[in-house]
């Protein structure tokens, strides 16, 4: 190996190591943004109601899967909430992401975890159901994360 090769090899290796560290730093930052968005979403659902939270954090082209059907688009999501009670106090939805991942380009991510949905009837009887949620997040042109699948 000539002297130039001995000089350039460590230089190139150092450049690639820095790129890997930068990519890892970006990925961790994006994951933290998604988790923070999930937390704000859950807080709004608890404080201001499920419908308002879902409409606030949905992308315009969001899709909700409910029971045996899909609800496509923010306007359809809004319409679906008109037919259900989603006010704080009588209905609650709590969740916590157990896992988050994000694409290497930082424009798509997903979370999953456990949720609890509770309804209190007019007699004060509370019933709850538990399950697993899966949400796909997409970075919007304004930089905010909004869900496109839930």
N, C-alpha and C. Protein backbone atom coordinates (compact mmCIF):
# COMPACT_ATOMS: atom_id res chain seq x y z
N UNK A 1 0.85 -1.17 0.00
CA UNK A 1 0.00 0.00 0.00
C UNK A 1 0.90 1.24 0.00
N UNK A 2 0.55 2.21 -0.79
CA UNK A 2 1.38 3.41 -0.82
C UNK A 2 1.01 4.35 0.32
N UNK A 3 1.81 5.37 0.47
CA UNK A 3 1.62 6.30 1.59
C UNK A 3 0.29 7.07 1.49
N UNK A 4 -0.09 7.39 0.27
CA UNK A 4 -1.35 8.11 0.10
C UNK A 4 -2.54 7.26 0.57
N UNK A 5 -2.53 5.98 0.24
CA UNK A 5 -3.60 5.08 0.68
C UNK A 5 -3.65 4.98 2.19
N UNK A 6 -2.49 4.91 2.82
CA UNK A 6 -2.44 4.83 4.28
C UNK A 6 -2.99 6.09 4.92
N UNK A 7 -2.85 7.21 4.24
CA UNK A 7 -3.38 8.47 4.76
C UNK A 7 -4.89 8.57 4.54
N UNK A 8 -5.36 8.17 3.34
CA UNK A 8 -6.77 8.34 2.98
C UNK A 8 -7.70 7.35 3.66
N UNK A 9 -7.23 6.13 3.92
CA UNK A 9 -8.09 5.11 4.52
C UNK A 9 -8.69 5.56 5.86
N UNK A 10 -7.88 6.03 6.82
CA UNK A 10 -8.48 6.47 8.08
C UNK A 10 -9.42 7.68 7.90
N UNK A 11 -9.09 8.54 6.94
CA UNK A 11 -9.93 9.70 6.67
C UNK A 11 -11.32 9.27 6.20
N UNK A 12 -11.38 8.35 5.24
CA UNK A 12 -12.67 7.85 4.75
C UNK A 12 -13.43 7.09 5.83
N UNK A 13 -12.75 6.28 6.60
CA UNK A 13 -13.42 5.54 7.68
C UNK A 13 -14.02 6.50 8.69
N UNK A 14 -13.30 7.56 9.00
CA UNK A 14 -13.80 8.57 9.94
C UNK A 14 -15.03 9.28 9.41
N UNK A 15 -15.03 9.58 8.11
CA UNK A 15 -16.19 10.23 7.50
C UNK A 15 -17.43 9.34 7.58
N UNK A 16 -17.27 8.06 7.28
CA UNK A 16 -18.41 7.15 7.33
C UNK A 16 -18.91 6.96 8.75
N UNK A 17 -18.02 6.93 9.71
CA UNK A 17 -18.43 6.79 11.11
C UNK A 17 -19.25 8.00 11.55
N UNK A 18 -18.84 9.20 11.12
CA UNK A 18 -19.58 10.41 11.47
C UNK A 18 -20.97 10.40 10.85
N UNK A 19 -21.08 9.94 9.59
CA UNK A 19 -22.39 9.88 8.94
C UNK A 19 -23.32 8.93 9.67
N UNK A 20 -22.80 7.80 10.11
CA UNK A 20 -23.61 6.83 10.85
C UNK A 20 -24.09 7.44 12.16
N UNK A 21 -23.21 8.15 12.87
CA UNK A 21 -23.60 8.80 14.12
C UNK A 21 -24.65 9.87 13.88
N UNK A 22 -24.48 10.66 12.80
CA UNK A 22 -25.47 11.70 12.48
C UNK A 22 -26.83 11.09 12.18
N UNK A 23 -26.84 10.00 11.42
CA UNK A 23 -28.09 9.33 11.08
C UNK A 23 -28.77 8.78 12.32
N UNK A 24 -27.97 8.20 13.23
CA UNK A 24 -28.53 7.66 14.47
C UNK A 24 -29.11 8.78 15.32
N UNK A 25 -28.40 9.92 15.38
CA UNK A 25 -28.88 11.07 16.15
C UNK A 25 -30.20 11.57 15.57
N UNK A 26 -30.29 11.66 14.24
CA UNK A 26 -31.53 12.11 13.60
C UNK A 26 -32.67 11.15 13.88
N UNK A 27 -32.39 9.86 13.76
CA UNK A 27 -33.43 8.85 14.00
C UNK A 27 -33.95 8.94 15.43
N UNK A 28 -33.06 9.08 16.39
CA UNK A 28 -33.49 9.20 17.80
C UNK A 28 -34.30 10.47 18.02
N UNK A 29 -33.90 11.56 17.36
CA UNK A 29 -34.64 12.82 17.47
C UNK A 29 -36.05 12.65 16.91
N UNK A 30 -36.17 12.01 15.75
CA UNK A 30 -37.48 11.82 15.13
C UNK A 30 -38.36 10.91 15.99
N UNK A 31 -37.77 9.87 16.56
CA UNK A 31 -38.53 8.99 17.46
C UNK A 31 -39.07 9.78 18.65
N UNK A 32 -38.23 10.63 19.21
CA UNK A 32 -38.65 11.45 20.35
C UNK A 32 -39.78 12.40 19.95
N UNK A 33 -39.73 12.94 18.73
CA UNK A 33 -40.80 13.82 18.25
C UNK A 33 -42.13 13.05 18.16
N UNK A 34 -42.06 11.83 17.66
CA UNK A 34 -43.28 11.02 17.53
C UNK A 34 -43.85 10.69 18.91
N UNK A 35 -42.99 10.29 19.84
CA UNK A 35 -43.45 9.99 21.20
C UNK A 35 -44.09 11.24 21.83
N UNK A 36 -43.45 12.39 21.65
CA UNK A 36 -44.01 13.64 22.20
C UNK A 36 -45.38 13.94 21.58
N UNK A 37 -45.52 13.67 20.29
CA UNK A 37 -46.80 13.88 19.62
C UNK A 37 -47.86 12.92 20.17
N UNK A 38 -47.47 11.65 20.37
CA UNK A 38 -48.40 10.67 20.98
C UNK A 38 -48.86 11.15 22.35
N UNK A 39 -47.93 11.67 23.14
CA UNK A 39 -48.27 12.13 24.49
C UNK A 39 -49.24 13.31 24.44
N UNK A 40 -49.00 14.25 23.52
CA UNK A 40 -49.91 15.39 23.38
C UNK A 40 -51.29 14.93 22.91
N UNK A 41 -51.30 13.97 22.01
CA UNK A 41 -52.54 13.38 21.50
C UNK A 41 -53.34 12.77 22.65
N UNK A 42 -52.69 11.96 23.47
CA UNK A 42 -53.36 11.31 24.61
C UNK A 42 -53.83 12.33 25.64
N UNK A 43 -53.00 13.34 25.90
CA UNK A 43 -53.39 14.39 26.86
C UNK A 43 -54.63 15.14 26.38
N UNK A 44 -54.66 15.46 25.09
CA UNK A 44 -55.82 16.17 24.55
C UNK A 44 -57.08 15.31 24.63
N UNK A 45 -56.95 14.02 24.35
CA UNK A 45 -58.10 13.11 24.43
C UNK A 45 -58.66 13.09 25.85
N UNK A 46 -57.79 13.09 26.84
CA UNK A 46 -58.24 13.06 28.24
C UNK A 46 -58.85 14.40 28.66
N UNK A 47 -58.26 15.48 28.20
CA UNK A 47 -58.67 16.81 28.64
C UNK A 47 -59.84 17.39 27.84
N UNK A 48 -59.82 17.19 26.51
CA UNK A 48 -60.79 17.87 25.66
C UNK A 48 -61.72 16.93 24.89
N UNK A 49 -61.52 15.65 25.06
CA UNK A 49 -62.38 14.67 24.39
C UNK A 49 -61.70 13.95 23.25
N UNK A 50 -62.18 12.74 23.03
CA UNK A 50 -61.58 11.87 22.02
C UNK A 50 -61.73 12.45 20.62
N UNK A 51 -62.92 12.94 20.29
CA UNK A 51 -63.18 13.46 18.94
C UNK A 51 -62.23 14.61 18.61
N UNK A 52 -62.12 15.57 19.50
CA UNK A 52 -61.25 16.72 19.22
C UNK A 52 -59.80 16.28 19.04
N UNK A 53 -59.35 15.35 19.88
CA UNK A 53 -57.97 14.88 19.78
C UNK A 53 -57.73 14.18 18.45
N UNK A 54 -58.64 13.29 18.07
CA UNK A 54 -58.45 12.57 16.81
C UNK A 54 -58.48 13.52 15.62
N UNK A 55 -59.35 14.50 15.64
CA UNK A 55 -59.41 15.45 14.52
C UNK A 55 -58.19 16.35 14.49
N UNK A 56 -57.65 16.70 15.64
CA UNK A 56 -56.47 17.55 15.70
C UNK A 56 -55.23 16.82 15.18
N UNK A 57 -55.08 15.56 15.52
CA UNK A 57 -53.86 14.83 15.19
C UNK A 57 -53.96 13.98 13.93
N UNK A 58 -55.09 14.01 13.24
CA UNK A 58 -55.26 13.27 11.99
C UNK A 58 -54.74 14.08 10.82
N UNK A 59 -54.05 13.41 9.90
CA UNK A 59 -53.72 14.02 8.62
C UNK A 59 -55.01 14.11 7.80
N UNK A 60 -55.03 14.96 6.80
CA UNK A 60 -56.24 15.11 5.99
C UNK A 60 -56.67 13.79 5.35
N UNK A 61 -55.70 12.94 5.02
CA UNK A 61 -56.00 11.66 4.37
C UNK A 61 -55.94 10.48 5.33
N UNK A 62 -56.10 10.74 6.61
CA UNK A 62 -56.00 9.69 7.63
C UNK A 62 -57.06 8.61 7.44
N UNK A 63 -56.72 7.41 7.91
CA UNK A 63 -57.63 6.27 7.86
C UNK A 63 -57.75 5.70 9.27
N UNK A 64 -58.99 5.53 9.73
CA UNK A 64 -59.24 4.86 11.00
C UNK A 64 -59.86 3.50 10.71
N UNK A 65 -59.39 2.49 11.41
CA UNK A 65 -60.03 1.18 11.32
C UNK A 65 -60.85 1.00 12.58
N UNK A 66 -62.15 0.85 12.41
CA UNK A 66 -63.05 0.68 13.54
C UNK A 66 -63.95 -0.51 13.28
N UNK A 67 -63.91 -1.46 14.19
CA UNK A 67 -64.69 -2.69 14.07
C UNK A 67 -64.39 -3.36 12.73
N UNK A 68 -65.38 -3.45 11.86
CA UNK A 68 -65.16 -4.14 10.59
C UNK A 68 -65.15 -3.18 9.40
N UNK A 69 -64.84 -1.92 9.64
CA UNK A 69 -64.83 -0.96 8.54
C UNK A 69 -63.70 0.05 8.69
N UNK A 70 -63.42 0.73 7.59
CA UNK A 70 -62.42 1.79 7.61
C UNK A 70 -63.12 3.12 7.36
N UNK A 71 -62.60 4.14 7.99
CA UNK A 71 -63.11 5.50 7.84
C UNK A 71 -61.99 6.29 7.19
N UNK A 72 -62.23 6.79 5.99
CA UNK A 72 -61.17 7.39 5.19
C UNK A 72 -61.36 8.90 5.10
N UNK A 73 -60.34 9.64 5.51
CA UNK A 73 -60.34 11.09 5.40
C UNK A 73 -60.83 11.79 6.65
N UNK A 74 -60.28 12.95 6.88
CA UNK A 74 -60.58 13.71 8.09
C UNK A 74 -62.07 14.08 8.19
N UNK A 75 -62.69 14.42 7.07
CA UNK A 75 -64.12 14.78 7.10
C UNK A 75 -64.97 13.58 7.50
N UNK A 76 -64.62 12.40 7.00
CA UNK A 76 -65.36 11.19 7.37
C UNK A 76 -65.13 10.83 8.83
N UNK A 77 -63.91 11.08 9.30
CA UNK A 77 -63.61 10.83 10.72
C UNK A 77 -64.46 11.75 11.59
N UNK A 78 -64.54 13.02 11.20
CA UNK A 78 -65.36 13.97 11.95
C UNK A 78 -66.82 13.52 11.97
N UNK A 79 -67.32 13.08 10.85
CA UNK A 79 -68.71 12.61 10.77
C UNK A 79 -68.92 11.39 11.67
N UNK A 80 -67.95 10.49 11.72
CA UNK A 80 -68.10 9.27 12.53
C UNK A 80 -68.19 9.60 14.02
N UNK A 81 -67.50 10.66 14.44
CA UNK A 81 -67.56 11.04 15.85
C UNK A 81 -68.87 11.72 16.22
N UNK A 82 -69.60 12.23 15.25
CA UNK A 82 -70.91 12.84 15.53
C UNK A 82 -71.90 11.80 16.02
N UNK A 83 -71.67 10.56 15.66
CA UNK A 83 -72.59 9.48 16.03
C UNK A 83 -72.20 8.78 17.33
N UNK A 84 -71.15 9.25 17.98
CA UNK A 84 -70.70 8.60 19.21
C UNK A 84 -70.48 9.63 20.31
N UNK A 85 -70.59 9.18 21.53
CA UNK A 85 -70.29 10.03 22.68
C UNK A 85 -68.79 9.98 22.90
N UNK A 86 -68.14 11.11 22.81
CA UNK A 86 -66.69 11.14 23.02
C UNK A 86 -66.28 12.23 23.99
N UNK A 87 -67.21 12.66 24.82
CA UNK A 87 -66.93 13.73 25.77
C UNK A 87 -66.17 13.23 26.99
N UNK A 88 -65.23 14.05 27.50
CA UNK A 88 -64.53 13.65 28.72
C UNK A 88 -65.52 13.46 29.86
N UNK A 89 -65.27 12.50 30.70
CA UNK A 89 -66.16 12.23 31.83
C UNK A 89 -67.01 11.00 31.61
N UNK A 90 -67.67 10.93 30.47
CA UNK A 90 -68.49 9.75 30.19
C UNK A 90 -67.73 8.71 29.38
N UNK A 91 -66.74 9.15 28.62
CA UNK A 91 -65.93 8.24 27.81
C UNK A 91 -64.47 8.64 27.97
N UNK A 92 -63.61 7.64 28.10
CA UNK A 92 -62.18 7.95 28.16
C UNK A 92 -61.40 6.92 27.34
N UNK A 93 -60.32 7.39 26.79
CA UNK A 93 -59.41 6.54 26.04
C UNK A 93 -58.00 6.90 26.49
N UNK A 94 -57.32 5.94 27.05
CA UNK A 94 -55.94 6.16 27.47
C UNK A 94 -55.06 5.17 26.75
N UNK A 95 -53.85 5.59 26.45
CA UNK A 95 -52.91 4.70 25.79
C UNK A 95 -51.49 5.16 26.05
N UNK A 96 -50.58 4.24 25.83
CA UNK A 96 -49.16 4.51 26.03
C UNK A 96 -48.39 3.71 24.98
N UNK A 97 -47.58 4.37 24.15
CA UNK A 97 -46.81 3.61 23.18
C UNK A 97 -45.72 2.78 23.87
N UNK A 98 -45.62 1.52 23.47
CA UNK A 98 -44.56 0.64 23.97
C UNK A 98 -43.38 0.60 23.02
N UNK A 99 -43.61 1.00 21.77
CA UNK A 99 -42.55 0.92 20.76
C UNK A 99 -42.76 2.03 19.74
N UNK A 100 -41.66 2.57 19.26
CA UNK A 100 -41.69 3.56 18.18
C UNK A 100 -40.54 3.26 17.24
N UNK A 101 -40.79 3.47 15.96
CA UNK A 101 -39.71 3.39 14.97
C UNK A 101 -40.01 4.42 13.90
N UNK A 102 -38.97 4.78 13.15
CA UNK A 102 -39.10 5.82 12.14
C UNK A 102 -38.26 5.43 10.94
N UNK A 103 -38.69 5.85 9.76
CA UNK A 103 -37.94 5.56 8.54
C UNK A 103 -36.62 6.32 8.55
N UNK A 104 -35.67 5.83 7.77
CA UNK A 104 -34.36 6.49 7.73
C UNK A 104 -34.45 7.88 7.12
N UNK A 105 -35.50 8.15 6.35
CA UNK A 105 -35.69 9.48 5.77
C UNK A 105 -36.40 10.44 6.72
N UNK A 106 -36.97 9.91 7.81
CA UNK A 106 -37.61 10.76 8.81
C UNK A 106 -38.97 11.29 8.42
N UNK A 107 -39.62 10.66 7.45
CA UNK A 107 -40.94 11.16 7.05
C UNK A 107 -42.09 10.24 7.44
N UNK A 108 -41.80 9.01 7.84
CA UNK A 108 -42.82 8.07 8.31
C UNK A 108 -42.35 7.39 9.58
N UNK A 109 -43.29 7.14 10.47
CA UNK A 109 -42.97 6.41 11.70
C UNK A 109 -44.19 5.64 12.16
N UNK A 110 -43.98 4.79 13.13
CA UNK A 110 -45.13 4.07 13.69
C UNK A 110 -44.92 3.80 15.16
N UNK A 111 -46.04 3.63 15.85
CA UNK A 111 -46.04 3.29 17.27
C UNK A 111 -47.05 2.18 17.49
N UNK A 112 -46.83 1.44 18.57
CA UNK A 112 -47.86 0.52 19.04
C UNK A 112 -47.74 0.38 20.53
N UNK A 113 -48.84 -0.04 21.14
CA UNK A 113 -48.87 -0.20 22.58
C UNK A 113 -50.26 -0.61 23.03
N UNK A 114 -50.50 -0.44 24.31
CA UNK A 114 -51.78 -0.85 24.91
C UNK A 114 -52.70 0.37 25.09
N UNK A 115 -53.99 0.11 24.97
CA UNK A 115 -54.97 1.16 25.24
C UNK A 115 -56.07 0.61 26.15
N UNK A 116 -56.77 1.54 26.81
CA UNK A 116 -57.95 1.21 27.60
C UNK A 116 -59.04 2.21 27.21
N UNK A 117 -60.18 1.69 26.79
CA UNK A 117 -61.33 2.50 26.42
C UNK A 117 -62.41 2.26 27.47
N UNK A 118 -62.88 3.32 28.12
CA UNK A 118 -63.87 3.18 29.20
C UNK A 118 -65.08 4.06 28.92
N UNK A 119 -66.24 3.52 29.27
CA UNK A 119 -67.51 4.24 29.11
C UNK A 119 -68.24 4.18 30.44
N UNK A 120 -68.73 5.33 30.89
CA UNK A 120 -69.54 5.40 32.11
C UNK A 120 -70.97 5.71 31.68
N UNK A 121 -71.89 4.82 32.06
CA UNK A 121 -73.29 5.02 31.65
C UNK A 121 -74.00 6.02 32.58
N UNK A 122 -75.27 6.26 32.31
CA UNK A 122 -76.03 7.25 33.07
C UNK A 122 -76.22 6.87 34.54
N UNK A 123 -76.05 5.60 34.88
CA UNK A 123 -76.15 5.16 36.27
C UNK A 123 -74.79 5.18 36.98
N UNK A 124 -73.76 5.57 36.25
CA UNK A 124 -72.43 5.62 36.84
C UNK A 124 -71.65 4.32 36.72
N UNK A 125 -72.19 3.34 36.01
CA UNK A 125 -71.50 2.07 35.82
C UNK A 125 -70.45 2.20 34.73
N UNK A 126 -69.23 1.86 35.06
CA UNK A 126 -68.12 2.00 34.13
C UNK A 126 -67.75 0.63 33.55
N UNK A 127 -67.67 0.57 32.22
CA UNK A 127 -67.19 -0.64 31.56
C UNK A 127 -65.97 -0.26 30.73
N UNK A 128 -65.01 -1.17 30.69
CA UNK A 128 -63.76 -0.89 29.98
C UNK A 128 -63.41 -2.04 29.05
N UNK A 129 -62.74 -1.70 27.99
CA UNK A 129 -62.17 -2.70 27.10
C UNK A 129 -60.71 -2.34 26.86
N UNK A 130 -59.90 -3.35 26.71
CA UNK A 130 -58.46 -3.15 26.51
C UNK A 130 -58.05 -3.74 25.17
N UNK A 131 -56.99 -3.22 24.64
CA UNK A 131 -56.50 -3.73 23.37
C UNK A 131 -55.12 -3.19 23.04
N UNK A 132 -54.74 -3.45 21.82
CA UNK A 132 -53.45 -3.00 21.29
C UNK A 132 -53.74 -2.01 20.16
N UNK A 133 -53.05 -0.90 20.16
CA UNK A 133 -53.19 0.06 19.06
C UNK A 133 -51.94 0.02 18.19
N UNK A 134 -52.11 0.46 16.97
CA UNK A 134 -51.00 0.62 16.03
C UNK A 134 -51.28 1.88 15.24
N UNK A 135 -50.38 2.83 15.30
CA UNK A 135 -50.57 4.11 14.62
C UNK A 135 -49.41 4.36 13.68
N UNK A 136 -49.71 4.79 12.47
CA UNK A 136 -48.69 5.18 11.50
C UNK A 136 -48.70 6.71 11.43
N UNK A 137 -47.52 7.29 11.58
CA UNK A 137 -47.36 8.74 11.60
C UNK A 137 -46.64 9.20 10.34
N UNK A 138 -47.04 10.37 9.84
CA UNK A 138 -46.38 10.95 8.66
C UNK A 138 -46.05 12.41 8.96
N UNK A 139 -44.80 12.77 8.66
CA UNK A 139 -44.40 14.17 8.84
C UNK A 139 -45.09 15.01 7.76
N UNK A 140 -45.71 16.07 8.18
CA UNK A 140 -46.44 16.96 7.28
C UNK A 140 -45.51 18.04 6.73
N UNK A 141 -45.91 18.74 5.68
CA UNK A 141 -45.07 19.80 5.12
C UNK A 141 -44.65 20.87 6.14
N UNK A 142 -45.48 21.09 7.17
CA UNK A 142 -45.13 22.08 8.20
C UNK A 142 -44.21 21.50 9.28
N UNK A 143 -43.81 20.22 9.13
CA UNK A 143 -42.89 19.59 10.08
C UNK A 143 -43.57 18.83 11.20
N UNK A 144 -44.88 19.02 11.36
CA UNK A 144 -45.62 18.32 12.42
C UNK A 144 -45.90 16.88 12.02
N UNK A 145 -45.99 16.02 13.03
CA UNK A 145 -46.37 14.63 12.81
C UNK A 145 -47.88 14.50 12.95
N UNK A 146 -48.53 13.85 11.99
CA UNK A 146 -49.96 13.58 12.04
C UNK A 146 -50.17 12.11 11.68
N UNK A 147 -51.19 11.49 12.29
CA UNK A 147 -51.38 10.08 11.98
C UNK A 147 -52.10 9.92 10.64
N UNK A 148 -51.70 8.87 9.92
CA UNK A 148 -52.35 8.53 8.65
C UNK A 148 -53.08 7.18 8.76
N UNK A 149 -52.83 6.44 9.83
CA UNK A 149 -53.51 5.15 10.07
C UNK A 149 -53.60 4.94 11.57
N UNK A 150 -54.79 4.57 12.02
CA UNK A 150 -54.96 4.24 13.43
C UNK A 150 -56.00 3.15 13.53
